[in-house]
Amino acid sequence: MAKYSEKAGEKVEKTMHEMKEGKLKSGSGKKVTSKKQAIAIGLSEARKEGAKVPKKKS
């Protein structure tokens, strides 16, 4: 199981909340409805901020 930093967990929690409110949008501007996509966006944002997140699987 991958270990994520506390900061990454908070970021994912925030994006999940946004998704449930219907405010989260993907890069193309469409509304995000998938739980997996919301988690991926949260981890990506955390990665950009320098949080401890494992590398993306290519």
PDB file of N, CA and C in Angstrom:
ATOM      1  N   MET A   1       0.843  -1.185   0.000  1.00  0.00           N
ATOM      2  CA  MET A   1       0.000   0.000   0.000  1.00  0.00           C
ATOM      3  C   MET A   1       0.887   1.247   0.000  1.00  0.00           C
ATOM      4  N   ALA A   2       0.530   2.210  -0.842  1.00  0.00           N
ATOM      5  CA  ALA A   2       1.317   3.431  -0.955  1.00  0.00           C
ATOM      6  C   ALA A   2       1.100   4.317   0.266  1.00  0.00           C
ATOM      7  N   LYS A   3       2.159   4.988   0.691  1.00  0.00           N
ATOM      8  CA  LYS A   3       2.077   5.913   1.824  1.00  0.00           C
ATOM      9  C   LYS A   3       2.005   7.337   1.280  1.00  0.00           C
ATOM     10  N   TYR A   4       1.011   8.063   1.716  1.00  0.00           N
ATOM     11  CA  TYR A   4       0.860   9.442   1.296  1.00  0.00           C
ATOM     12  C   TYR A   4       1.063  10.358   2.488  1.00  0.00           C
ATOM     13  N   SER A   5       1.534  11.560   2.214  1.00  0.00           N
ATOM     14  CA  SER A   5       1.744  12.520   3.289  1.00  0.00           C
ATOM     15  C   SER A   5       0.403  13.056   3.772  1.00  0.00           C
ATOM     16  N   GLU A   6       0.423  13.682   4.919  1.00  0.00           N
ATOM     17  CA  GLU A   6      -0.799  14.262   5.487  1.00  0.00           C
ATOM     18  C   GLU A   6      -1.337  15.357   4.570  1.00  0.00           C
ATOM     19  N   LYS A   7      -0.427  16.124   3.985  1.00  0.00           N
ATOM     20  CA  LYS A   7      -0.790  17.209   3.076  1.00  0.00           C
ATOM     21  C   LYS A   7      -1.540  16.663   1.854  1.00  0.00           C
ATOM     22  N   ALA A   8      -1.051  15.528   1.335  1.00  0.00           N
ATOM     23  CA  ALA A   8      -1.692  14.905   0.170  1.00  0.00           C
ATOM     24  C   ALA A   8      -3.094  14.424   0.534  1.00  0.00           C
ATOM     25  N   GLY A   9      -3.231  13.865   1.726  1.00  0.00           N
ATOM     26  CA  GLY A   9      -4.529  13.395   2.196  1.00  0.00           C
ATOM     27  C   GLY A   9      -5.535  14.522   2.314  1.00  0.00           C
ATOM     28  N   GLU A  10      -5.063  15.664   2.792  1.00  0.00           N
ATOM     29  CA  GLU A  10      -5.928  16.838   2.934  1.00  0.00           C
ATOM     30  C   GLU A  10      -6.377  17.342   1.568  1.00  0.00           C
ATOM     31  N   LYS A  11      -5.450  17.307   0.609  1.00  0.00           N
ATOM     32  CA  LYS A  11      -5.748  17.785  -0.747  1.00  0.00           C
ATOM     33  C   LYS A  11      -6.803  16.899  -1.406  1.00  0.00           C
ATOM     34  N   VAL A  12      -6.652  15.582  -1.228  1.00  0.00           N
ATOM     35  CA  VAL A  12      -7.614  14.633  -1.798  1.00  0.00           C
ATOM     36  C   VAL A  12      -8.979  14.826  -1.136  1.00  0.00           C
ATOM     37  N   GLU A  13      -8.975  15.029   0.172  1.00  0.00           N
ATOM     38  CA  GLU A  13     -10.220  15.255   0.911  1.00  0.00           C
ATOM     39  C   GLU A  13     -10.942  16.490   0.370  1.00  0.00           C
ATOM     40  N   LYS A  14     -10.178  17.544   0.089  1.00  0.00           N
ATOM     41  CA  LYS A  14     -10.748  18.789  -0.419  1.00  0.00           C
ATOM     42  C   LYS A  14     -11.353  18.588  -1.813  1.00  0.00           C
ATOM     43  N   THR A  15     -10.638  17.871  -2.682  1.00  0.00           N
ATOM     44  CA  THR A  15     -11.146  17.645  -4.038  1.00  0.00           C
ATOM     45  C   THR A  15     -12.386  16.746  -4.031  1.00  0.00           C
ATOM     46  N   MET A  16     -12.426  15.772  -3.119  1.00  0.00           N
ATOM     47  CA  MET A  16     -13.601  14.897  -3.008  1.00  0.00           C
ATOM     48  C   MET A  16     -14.813  15.725  -2.579  1.00  0.00           C
ATOM     49  N   HIS A  17     -14.601  16.647  -1.658  1.00  0.00           N
ATOM     50  CA  HIS A  17     -15.673  17.522  -1.182  1.00  0.00           C
ATOM     51  C   HIS A  17     -16.190  18.389  -2.332  1.00  0.00           C
ATOM     52  N   GLU A  18     -15.259  18.926  -3.131  1.00  0.00           N
ATOM     53  CA  GLU A  18     -15.634  19.751  -4.283  1.00  0.00           C
ATOM     54  C   GLU A  18     -16.440  18.931  -5.286  1.00  0.00           C
ATOM     55  N   MET A  19     -16.022  17.672  -5.510  1.00  0.00           N
ATOM     56  CA  MET A  19     -16.720  16.810  -6.454  1.00  0.00           C
ATOM     57  C   MET A  19     -18.162  16.573  -5.997  1.00  0.00           C
ATOM     58  N   LYS A  20     -18.322  16.303  -4.705  1.00  0.00           N
ATOM     59  CA  LYS A  20     -19.658  16.031  -4.170  1.00  0.00           C
ATOM     60  C   LYS A  20     -20.563  17.259  -4.262  1.00  0.00           C
ATOM     61  N   GLU A  21     -19.961  18.451  -4.200  1.00  0.00           N
ATOM     62  CA  GLU A  21     -20.739  19.691  -4.338  1.00  0.00           C
ATOM     63  C   GLU A  21     -20.990  20.036  -5.805  1.00  0.00           C
ATOM     64  N   GLY A  22     -20.290  19.338  -6.708  1.00  0.00           N
ATOM     65  CA  GLY A  22     -20.446  19.589  -8.144  1.00  0.00           C
ATOM     66  C   GLY A  22     -19.614  20.738  -8.654  1.00  0.00           C
ATOM     67  N   LYS A  23     -18.569  21.120  -7.896  1.00  0.00           N
ATOM     68  CA  LYS A  23     -17.730  22.261  -8.281  1.00  0.00           C
ATOM     69  C   LYS A  23     -16.404  21.851  -8.920  1.00  0.00           C
ATOM     70  N   LEU A  24     -16.052  20.559  -8.841  1.00  0.00           N
ATOM     71  CA  LEU A  24     -14.757  20.111  -9.351  1.00  0.00           C
ATOM     72  C   LEU A  24     -14.819  19.908 -10.851  1.00  0.00           C
ATOM     73  N   LYS A  25     -13.849  20.501 -11.561  1.00  0.00           N
ATOM     74  CA  LYS A  25     -13.797  20.368 -13.009  1.00  0.00           C
ATOM     75  C   LYS A  25     -12.455  19.774 -13.429  1.00  0.00           C
ATOM     76  N   SER A  26     -12.484  19.020 -14.528  1.00  0.00           N
ATOM     77  CA  SER A  26     -11.262  18.422 -15.052  1.00  0.00           C
ATOM     78  C   SER A  26     -10.525  19.465 -15.889  1.00  0.00           C
ATOM     79  N   GLY A  27      -9.399  19.077 -16.447  1.00  0.00           N
ATOM     80  CA  GLY A  27      -8.591  19.989 -17.260  1.00  0.00           C
ATOM     81  C   GLY A  27      -9.346  20.525 -18.466  1.00  0.00           C
ATOM     82  N   SER A  28     -10.244  19.720 -19.024  1.00  0.00           N
ATOM     83  CA  SER A  28     -11.003  20.142 -20.206  1.00  0.00           C
ATOM     84  C   SER A  28     -12.183  21.040 -19.833  1.00  0.00           C
ATOM     85  N   GLY A  29     -12.425  21.206 -18.526  1.00  0.00           N
ATOM     86  CA  GLY A  29     -13.500  22.079 -18.072  1.00  0.00           C
ATOM     87  C   GLY A  29     -14.802  21.368 -17.788  1.00  0.00           C
ATOM     88  N   LYS A  30     -14.823  20.035 -18.008  1.00  0.00           N
ATOM     89  CA  LYS A  30     -16.042  19.274 -17.739  1.00  0.00           C
ATOM     90  C   LYS A  30     -16.139  18.926 -16.258  1.00  0.00           C
ATOM     91  N   LYS A  31     -17.373  18.755 -15.784  1.00  0.00           N
ATOM     92  CA  LYS A  31     -17.617  18.416 -14.392  1.00  0.00           C
ATOM     93  C   LYS A  31     -17.127  17.001 -14.094  1.00  0.00           C
ATOM     94  N   VAL A  32     -16.455  16.829 -12.966  1.00  0.00           N
ATOM     95  CA  VAL A  32     -15.933  15.522 -12.563  1.00  0.00           C
ATOM     96  C   VAL A  32     -17.012  14.792 -11.765  1.00  0.00           C
ATOM     97  N   THR A  33     -17.326  13.541 -12.182  1.00  0.00           N
ATOM     98  CA  THR A  33     -18.330  12.749 -11.477  1.00  0.00           C
ATOM     99  C   THR A  33     -17.723  11.461 -10.924  1.00  0.00           C
ATOM    100  N   SER A  34     -16.526  11.106 -11.374  1.00  0.00           N
ATOM    101  CA  SER A  34     -15.875   9.867 -10.959  1.00  0.00           C
ATOM    102  C   SER A  34     -15.037  10.078  -9.699  1.00  0.00           C
ATOM    103  N   LYS A  35     -15.207   9.149  -8.743  1.00  0.00           N
ATOM    104  CA  LYS A  35     -14.446   9.190  -7.495  1.00  0.00           C
ATOM    105  C   LYS A  35     -12.943   9.046  -7.784  1.00  0.00           C
ATOM    106  N   LYS A  36     -12.606   8.107  -8.686  1.00  0.00           N
ATOM    107  CA  LYS A  36     -11.207   7.864  -9.038  1.00  0.00           C
ATOM    108  C   LYS A  36     -10.564   9.099  -9.648  1.00  0.00           C
ATOM    109  N   GLN A  37     -11.308   9.793 -10.496  1.00  0.00           N
ATOM    110  CA  GLN A  37     -10.776  10.986 -11.143  1.00  0.00           C
ATOM    111  C   GLN A  37     -10.549  12.101 -10.124  1.00  0.00           C
ATOM    112  N   ALA A  38     -11.450  12.220  -9.157  1.00  0.00           N
ATOM    113  CA  ALA A  38     -11.302  13.241  -8.113  1.00  0.00           C
ATOM    114  C   ALA A  38     -10.051  12.966  -7.282  1.00  0.00           C
ATOM    115  N   ILE A  39      -9.803  11.702  -6.947  1.00  0.00           N
ATOM    116  CA  ILE A  39      -8.608  11.329  -6.185  1.00  0.00           C
ATOM    117  C   ILE A  39      -7.351  11.642  -7.004  1.00  0.00           C
ATOM    118  N   ALA A  40      -7.382  11.312  -8.289  1.00  0.00           N
ATOM    119  CA  ALA A  40      -6.233  11.568  -9.167  1.00  0.00           C
ATOM    120  C   ALA A  40      -5.928  13.065  -9.244  1.00  0.00           C
ATOM    121  N   ILE A  41      -6.954  13.892  -9.319  1.00  0.00           N
ATOM    122  CA  ILE A  41      -6.767  15.344  -9.368  1.00  0.00           C
ATOM    123  C   ILE A  41      -6.159  15.834  -8.056  1.00  0.00           C
ATOM    124  N   GLY A  42      -6.661  15.326  -6.942  1.00  0.00           N
ATOM    125  CA  GLY A  42      -6.138  15.707  -5.624  1.00  0.00           C
ATOM    126  C   GLY A  42      -4.680  15.352  -5.462  1.00  0.00           C
ATOM    127  N   LEU A  43      -4.307  14.136  -5.880  1.00  0.00           N
ATOM    128  CA  LEU A  43      -2.908  13.702  -5.785  1.00  0.00           C
ATOM    129  C   LEU A  43      -2.016  14.519  -6.715  1.00  0.00           C
ATOM    130  N   SER A  44      -2.530  14.833  -7.883  1.00  0.00           N
ATOM    131  CA  SER A  44      -1.773  15.631  -8.843  1.00  0.00           C
ATOM    132  C   SER A  44      -1.491  17.029  -8.280  1.00  0.00           C
ATOM    133  N   GLU A  45      -2.509  17.640  -7.677  1.00  0.00           N
ATOM    134  CA  GLU A  45      -2.336  18.972  -7.081  1.00  0.00           C
ATOM    135  C   GLU A  45      -1.349  18.918  -5.914  1.00  0.00           C
ATOM    136  N   ALA A  46      -1.436  17.863  -5.114  1.00  0.00           N
ATOM    137  CA  ALA A  46      -0.519  17.707  -3.984  1.00  0.00           C
ATOM    138  C   ALA A  46       0.913  17.535  -4.489  1.00  0.00           C
ATOM    139  N   ARG A  47       1.058  16.789  -5.568  1.00  0.00           N
ATOM    140  CA  ARG A  47       2.382  16.558  -6.173  1.00  0.00           C
ATOM    141  C   ARG A  47       2.994  17.881  -6.635  1.00  0.00           C
ATOM    142  N   LYS A  48       2.163  18.733  -7.238  1.00  0.00           N
ATOM    143  CA  LYS A  48       2.632  20.045  -7.712  1.00  0.00           C
ATOM    144  C   LYS A  48       3.100  20.926  -6.559  1.00  0.00           C
ATOM    145  N   GLU A  49       2.456  20.771  -5.390  1.00  0.00           N
ATOM    146  CA  GLU A  49       2.823  21.567  -4.212  1.00  0.00           C
ATOM    147  C   GLU A  49       4.021  20.992  -3.473  1.00  0.00           C
ATOM    148  N   GLY A  50       4.509  19.840  -3.924  1.00  0.00           N
ATOM    149  CA  GLY A  50       5.699  19.260  -3.319  1.00  0.00           C
ATOM    150  C   GLY A  50       5.429  18.293  -2.179  1.00  0.00           C
ATOM    151  N   ALA A  51       4.188  17.819  -2.054  1.00  0.00           N
ATOM    152  CA  ALA A  51       3.855  16.859  -0.995  1.00  0.00           C
ATOM    153  C   ALA A  51       4.424  15.482  -1.346  1.00  0.00           C
ATOM    154  N   LYS A  52       4.572  14.628  -0.320  1.00  0.00           N
ATOM    155  CA  LYS A  52       5.123  13.288  -0.538  1.00  0.00           C
ATOM    156  C   LYS A  52       4.040  12.387  -1.141  1.00  0.00           C
ATOM    157  N   VAL A  53       4.139  12.215  -2.448  1.00  0.00           N
ATOM    158  CA  VAL A  53       3.187  11.391  -3.189  1.00  0.00           C
ATOM    159  C   VAL A  53       3.984  10.488  -4.128  1.00  0.00           C
ATOM    160  N   PRO A  54       3.700   9.190  -4.152  1.00  0.00           N
ATOM    161  CA  PRO A  54       4.424   8.309  -5.084  1.00  0.00           C
ATOM    162  C   PRO A  54       4.248   8.759  -6.533  1.00  0.00           C
ATOM    163  N   LYS A  55       5.204   8.389  -7.397  1.00  0.00           N
ATOM    164  CA  LYS A  55       5.168   8.780  -8.799  1.00  0.00           C
ATOM    165  C   LYS A  55       3.954   8.198  -9.499  1.00  0.00           C
ATOM    166  N   LYS A  56       3.529   8.894 -10.572  1.00  0.00           N
ATOM    167  CA  LYS A  56       2.415   8.414 -11.368  1.00  0.00           C
ATOM    168  C   LYS A  56       2.805   7.129 -12.078  1.00  0.00           C
ATOM    169  N   LYS A  57       1.855   6.216 -12.239  1.00  0.00           N
ATOM    170  CA  LYS A  57       2.101   5.012 -13.026  1.00  0.00           C
ATOM    171  C   LYS A  57       1.877   5.378 -14.487  1.00  0.00           C
ATOM    172  N   SER A  58       2.853   5.058 -15.321  1.00  0.00           N
ATOM    173  CA  SER A  58       2.734   5.470 -16.734  1.00  0.00           C
ATOM    174  C   SER A  58       2.007   4.473 -17.587  1.00  0.00           C
TER     175      SER A  58
END
